Amino acid sequence: MRTTDTDEINKRRQRAREESFVITNTDARHPIFSNFRVKSASGLTYSVEIRDLRDRQSACDCVDFRTNGLALCKHLKPSCFILKPAIKSFSNPRRRPDRTALR
């Protein structure tokens, strides 16, 4: 059975919500647009690079990201979920970024 890109994106979003990940920012000087290590429940660790959330300027070194043509994988989504509070903080100068979810 063939699936649409939307179906495939939704599958990755669902897996990102259901699985556990440990996300570490490799350069704390850049809390949002940076490089991250994402350790999945399988114990494997992947390198994730986030440059622009709106235009999907991100990358992951997992096989799925390199081959699916969607510019998305289950390792990118949790990184973006964790970054949402920090992004909101930076857009509001009165708030400081909440970095508790990042290591």
N, C-alpha and C. Protein backbone atom coordinates (compact mmCIF):
# COMPACT_ATOMS: atom_id res chain seq x y z
N MET A 1 0.84 -1.19 0.00
CA MET A 1 0.00 0.00 0.00
C MET A 1 0.89 1.25 0.00
N ARG A 2 0.63 2.14 -0.90
CA ARG A 2 1.40 3.38 -1.00
C ARG A 2 0.85 4.41 -0.03
N THR A 3 1.74 5.24 0.49
CA THR A 3 1.32 6.30 1.41
C THR A 3 1.71 7.65 0.83
N THR A 4 1.06 8.68 1.31
CA THR A 4 1.37 10.04 0.87
C THR A 4 2.48 10.62 1.75
N ASP A 5 3.06 11.72 1.30
CA ASP A 5 4.06 12.41 2.12
C ASP A 5 3.46 12.81 3.46
N THR A 6 2.22 13.26 3.44
CA THR A 6 1.54 13.66 4.68
C THR A 6 1.44 12.48 5.64
N ASP A 7 1.09 11.30 5.11
CA ASP A 7 1.03 10.10 5.95
C ASP A 7 2.39 9.80 6.57
N GLU A 8 3.43 9.89 5.78
CA GLU A 8 4.78 9.59 6.26
C GLU A 8 5.25 10.61 7.30
N ILE A 9 4.93 11.87 7.08
CA ILE A 9 5.28 12.91 8.06
C ILE A 9 4.55 12.65 9.37
N ASN A 10 3.27 12.32 9.28
CA ASN A 10 2.49 12.04 10.49
C ASN A 10 3.03 10.83 11.25
N LYS A 11 3.50 9.81 10.53
CA LYS A 11 4.11 8.65 11.19
C LYS A 11 5.33 9.07 12.01
N ARG A 12 6.15 9.92 11.44
CA ARG A 12 7.37 10.37 12.14
C ARG A 12 7.02 11.25 13.33
N ARG A 13 6.03 12.10 13.18
CA ARG A 13 5.57 12.91 14.31
C ARG A 13 5.06 12.04 15.45
N GLN A 14 4.28 11.03 15.10
CA GLN A 14 3.73 10.12 16.11
C GLN A 14 4.86 9.39 16.84
N ARG A 15 5.82 8.87 16.09
CA ARG A 15 6.95 8.17 16.72
C ARG A 15 7.75 9.12 17.60
N ALA A 16 7.88 10.36 17.19
CA ALA A 16 8.61 11.34 18.00
C ALA A 16 7.88 11.61 19.31
N ARG A 17 6.55 11.60 19.28
CA ARG A 17 5.77 11.82 20.51
C ARG A 17 5.82 10.62 21.44
N GLU A 18 5.86 9.41 20.88
CA GLU A 18 5.75 8.20 21.68
C GLU A 18 7.08 7.70 22.24
N GLU A 19 8.17 7.99 21.56
CA GLU A 19 9.46 7.46 21.98
C GLU A 19 10.19 8.43 22.90
N SER A 20 11.14 7.90 23.65
CA SER A 20 11.94 8.73 24.56
C SER A 20 13.25 9.10 23.89
N PHE A 21 13.67 10.35 24.09
CA PHE A 21 14.91 10.84 23.53
C PHE A 21 15.66 11.65 24.59
N VAL A 22 16.96 11.62 24.52
CA VAL A 22 17.80 12.50 25.33
C VAL A 22 18.46 13.45 24.34
N ILE A 23 18.21 14.74 24.51
CA ILE A 23 18.70 15.74 23.57
C ILE A 23 19.72 16.62 24.26
N THR A 24 20.89 16.73 23.64
CA THR A 24 21.97 17.53 24.20
C THR A 24 22.41 18.56 23.16
N ASN A 25 22.41 19.82 23.56
CA ASN A 25 22.92 20.87 22.70
C ASN A 25 24.44 20.82 22.76
N THR A 26 25.08 20.71 21.61
CA THR A 26 26.54 20.59 21.60
C THR A 26 27.24 21.94 21.66
N ASP A 27 26.48 23.03 21.54
CA ASP A 27 27.07 24.37 21.63
C ASP A 27 26.08 25.29 22.33
N ALA A 28 26.20 25.39 23.64
CA ALA A 28 25.24 26.15 24.46
C ALA A 28 25.21 27.64 24.13
N ARG A 29 26.21 28.13 23.41
CA ARG A 29 26.19 29.55 23.00
C ARG A 29 25.03 29.83 22.05
N HIS A 30 24.53 28.78 21.42
CA HIS A 30 23.44 28.90 20.46
C HIS A 30 22.30 27.98 20.91
N PRO A 31 21.39 28.49 21.74
CA PRO A 31 20.36 27.64 22.33
C PRO A 31 19.30 27.14 21.36
N ILE A 32 19.09 27.81 20.25
CA ILE A 32 18.03 27.39 19.34
C ILE A 32 18.61 26.84 18.04
N PHE A 33 19.25 27.67 17.28
CA PHE A 33 19.80 27.24 15.99
C PHE A 33 21.21 26.75 16.26
N SER A 34 21.32 25.43 16.38
CA SER A 34 22.55 24.83 16.85
C SER A 34 22.65 23.39 16.38
N ASN A 35 23.64 22.70 16.91
CA ASN A 35 23.81 21.27 16.66
C ASN A 35 23.47 20.53 17.95
N PHE A 36 22.78 19.41 17.80
CA PHE A 36 22.32 18.64 18.94
C PHE A 36 22.69 17.17 18.75
N ARG A 37 22.88 16.49 19.87
CA ARG A 37 22.98 15.04 19.87
C ARG A 37 21.64 14.52 20.38
N VAL A 38 21.05 13.60 19.65
CA VAL A 38 19.76 13.03 20.02
C VAL A 38 19.95 11.53 20.21
N LYS A 39 19.80 11.09 21.44
CA LYS A 39 19.91 9.67 21.74
C LYS A 39 18.51 9.08 21.77
N SER A 40 18.29 8.07 20.96
CA SER A 40 16.97 7.46 20.87
C SER A 40 16.85 6.30 21.85
N ALA A 41 15.65 5.77 21.96
CA ALA A 41 15.40 4.66 22.88
C ALA A 41 16.21 3.43 22.52
N SER A 42 16.61 3.33 21.27
CA SER A 42 17.42 2.18 20.83
C SER A 42 18.84 2.25 21.37
N GLY A 43 19.21 3.43 21.89
CA GLY A 43 20.57 3.62 22.39
C GLY A 43 21.50 4.26 21.38
N LEU A 44 21.03 4.40 20.13
CA LEU A 44 21.83 5.05 19.10
C LEU A 44 21.74 6.56 19.24
N THR A 45 22.82 7.24 18.90
CA THR A 45 22.86 8.70 18.99
C THR A 45 23.05 9.28 17.60
N TYR A 46 22.28 10.33 17.31
CA TYR A 46 22.32 10.96 16.00
C TYR A 46 22.66 12.44 16.15
N SER A 47 23.28 12.99 15.12
CA SER A 47 23.59 14.42 15.09
C SER A 47 22.48 15.13 14.35
N VAL A 48 21.92 16.14 15.01
CA VAL A 48 20.84 16.94 14.43
C VAL A 48 21.32 18.38 14.36
N GLU A 49 21.08 19.00 13.22
CA GLU A 49 21.45 20.40 13.02
C GLU A 49 20.17 21.17 12.71
N ILE A 50 19.91 22.22 13.50
CA ILE A 50 18.71 23.04 13.28
C ILE A 50 19.16 24.44 12.92
N ARG A 51 18.75 24.91 11.75
CA ARG A 51 19.12 26.23 11.26
C ARG A 51 17.93 27.15 11.08
N ASP A 52 16.78 26.62 10.70
CA ASP A 52 15.59 27.43 10.48
C ASP A 52 14.38 26.51 10.59
N LEU A 53 13.49 26.80 11.51
CA LEU A 53 12.32 25.93 11.72
C LEU A 53 11.22 26.16 10.70
N ARG A 54 11.05 27.39 10.29
CA ARG A 54 9.96 27.72 9.38
C ARG A 54 10.18 27.13 7.99
N ASP A 55 11.40 27.19 7.49
CA ASP A 55 11.70 26.72 6.14
C ASP A 55 12.33 25.33 6.12
N ARG A 56 12.24 24.61 7.25
CA ARG A 56 12.77 23.24 7.35
C ARG A 56 14.24 23.17 6.95
N GLN A 57 15.03 24.08 7.46
CA GLN A 57 16.47 24.06 7.22
C GLN A 57 17.14 23.32 8.37
N SER A 58 16.97 22.02 8.38
CA SER A 58 17.50 21.17 9.43
C SER A 58 18.01 19.89 8.80
N ALA A 59 18.81 19.16 9.57
CA ALA A 59 19.34 17.90 9.05
C ALA A 59 19.60 16.94 10.20
N CYS A 60 19.61 15.66 9.86
CA CYS A 60 19.94 14.60 10.81
C CYS A 60 20.78 13.59 10.05
N ASP A 61 21.71 12.95 10.76
CA ASP A 61 22.56 11.98 10.06
C ASP A 61 21.99 10.56 10.08
N CYS A 62 20.72 10.39 10.46
CA CYS A 62 20.11 9.06 10.43
C CYS A 62 19.78 8.65 8.98
N VAL A 63 19.68 7.36 8.76
CA VAL A 63 19.38 6.83 7.43
C VAL A 63 18.02 7.32 6.93
N ASP A 64 17.03 7.37 7.80
CA ASP A 64 15.69 7.79 7.40
C ASP A 64 15.72 9.20 6.83
N PHE A 65 16.38 10.14 7.49
CA PHE A 65 16.43 11.51 7.00
C PHE A 65 17.13 11.57 5.64
N ARG A 66 18.21 10.84 5.51
CA ARG A 66 18.99 10.87 4.26
C ARG A 66 18.24 10.27 3.08
N THR A 67 17.29 9.39 3.34
CA THR A 67 16.65 8.68 2.22
C THR A 67 15.18 8.99 1.98
N ASN A 68 14.49 9.61 2.94
CA ASN A 68 13.03 9.73 2.78
C ASN A 68 12.57 10.92 1.93
N GLY A 69 13.41 11.91 1.71
CA GLY A 69 13.03 13.06 0.89
C GLY A 69 12.02 13.99 1.53
N LEU A 70 11.77 13.85 2.83
CA LEU A 70 10.76 14.65 3.52
C LEU A 70 11.35 15.82 4.30
N ALA A 71 12.67 15.87 4.43
CA ALA A 71 13.35 16.86 5.28
C ALA A 71 12.87 16.76 6.73
N LEU A 72 12.61 15.52 7.17
CA LEU A 72 12.09 15.28 8.51
C LEU A 72 12.41 13.86 8.93
N CYS A 73 12.62 13.68 10.23
CA CYS A 73 12.75 12.34 10.81
C CYS A 73 12.30 12.43 12.26
N LYS A 74 12.21 11.28 12.91
CA LYS A 74 11.73 11.28 14.30
C LYS A 74 12.71 11.93 15.25
N HIS A 75 13.95 12.14 14.85
CA HIS A 75 14.95 12.77 15.72
C HIS A 75 14.85 14.30 15.67
N LEU A 76 14.40 14.83 14.54
CA LEU A 76 14.23 16.29 14.42
C LEU A 76 13.02 16.79 15.20
N LYS A 77 11.93 16.05 15.17
CA LYS A 77 10.70 16.53 15.81
C LYS A 77 10.85 16.76 17.30
N PRO A 78 11.42 15.83 18.08
CA PRO A 78 11.54 16.12 19.52
C PRO A 78 12.47 17.29 19.79
N SER A 79 13.46 17.48 18.94
CA SER A 79 14.35 18.64 19.09
C SER A 79 13.55 19.92 18.93
N CYS A 80 12.66 19.94 17.96
CA CYS A 80 11.83 21.12 17.73
C CYS A 80 10.81 21.32 18.86
N PHE A 81 10.24 20.21 19.39
CA PHE A 81 9.30 20.31 20.51
C PHE A 81 9.98 20.99 21.70
N ILE A 82 11.18 20.56 22.01
CA ILE A 82 11.91 21.10 23.16
C ILE A 82 12.29 22.55 22.95
N LEU A 83 12.54 22.94 21.72
CA LEU A 83 12.97 24.30 21.43
C LEU A 83 11.83 25.31 21.44
N LYS A 84 10.59 24.87 21.34
CA LYS A 84 9.47 25.83 21.27
C LYS A 84 9.46 26.83 22.43
N PRO A 85 9.62 26.42 23.70
CA PRO A 85 9.63 27.41 24.77
C PRO A 85 10.78 28.42 24.64
N ALA A 86 11.93 27.94 24.19
CA ALA A 86 13.08 28.84 24.01
C ALA A 86 12.81 29.84 22.90
N ILE A 87 12.17 29.38 21.84
CA ILE A 87 11.84 30.28 20.73
C ILE A 87 10.87 31.35 21.18
N LYS A 88 9.85 30.96 21.96
CA LYS A 88 8.89 31.94 22.47
C LYS A 88 9.58 32.94 23.40
N SER A 89 10.53 32.46 24.20
CA SER A 89 11.25 33.34 25.11
C SER A 89 12.07 34.38 24.35
N PHE A 90 12.70 33.95 23.28
CA PHE A 90 13.51 34.89 22.50
C PHE A 90 12.64 35.90 21.77
N SER A 91 11.41 35.53 21.44
CA SER A 91 10.53 36.49 20.77
C SER A 91 9.92 37.47 21.75
N ASN A 92 9.99 37.16 23.06
CA ASN A 92 9.50 38.06 24.10
C ASN A 92 10.70 38.47 24.95
N PRO A 93 11.22 39.68 24.78
CA PRO A 93 12.45 40.08 25.47
C PRO A 93 12.34 40.09 27.00
N ARG A 94 11.14 40.07 27.55
CA ARG A 94 10.98 40.08 29.01
C ARG A 94 11.18 38.71 29.63
N ARG A 95 11.13 37.66 28.80
CA ARG A 95 11.29 36.29 29.32
C ARG A 95 12.66 35.76 28.96
N ARG A 96 13.19 34.92 29.81
CA ARG A 96 14.46 34.25 29.53
C ARG A 96 14.16 32.85 29.01
N PRO A 97 15.02 32.30 28.19
CA PRO A 97 14.78 30.96 27.68
C PRO A 97 14.78 29.91 28.79
N ASP A 98 13.86 28.97 28.67
CA ASP A 98 13.81 27.84 29.60
C ASP A 98 14.65 26.73 28.99
N ARG A 99 15.80 26.49 29.58
CA ARG A 99 16.72 25.49 29.02
C ARG A 99 16.71 24.21 29.82
N THR A 100 15.72 24.02 30.67
CA THR A 100 15.70 22.85 31.53
C THR A 100 15.57 21.56 30.75
N ALA A 101 14.94 21.59 29.57
CA ALA A 101 14.76 20.37 28.81
C ALA A 101 16.02 19.98 28.04
N LEU A 102 16.91 20.92 27.89
CA LEU A 102 18.15 20.66 27.17
C LEU A 102 19.26 20.37 28.14
N ARG A 103 20.20 19.57 27.71
CA ARG A 103 21.38 19.27 28.53
C ARG A 103 22.57 19.99 27.99
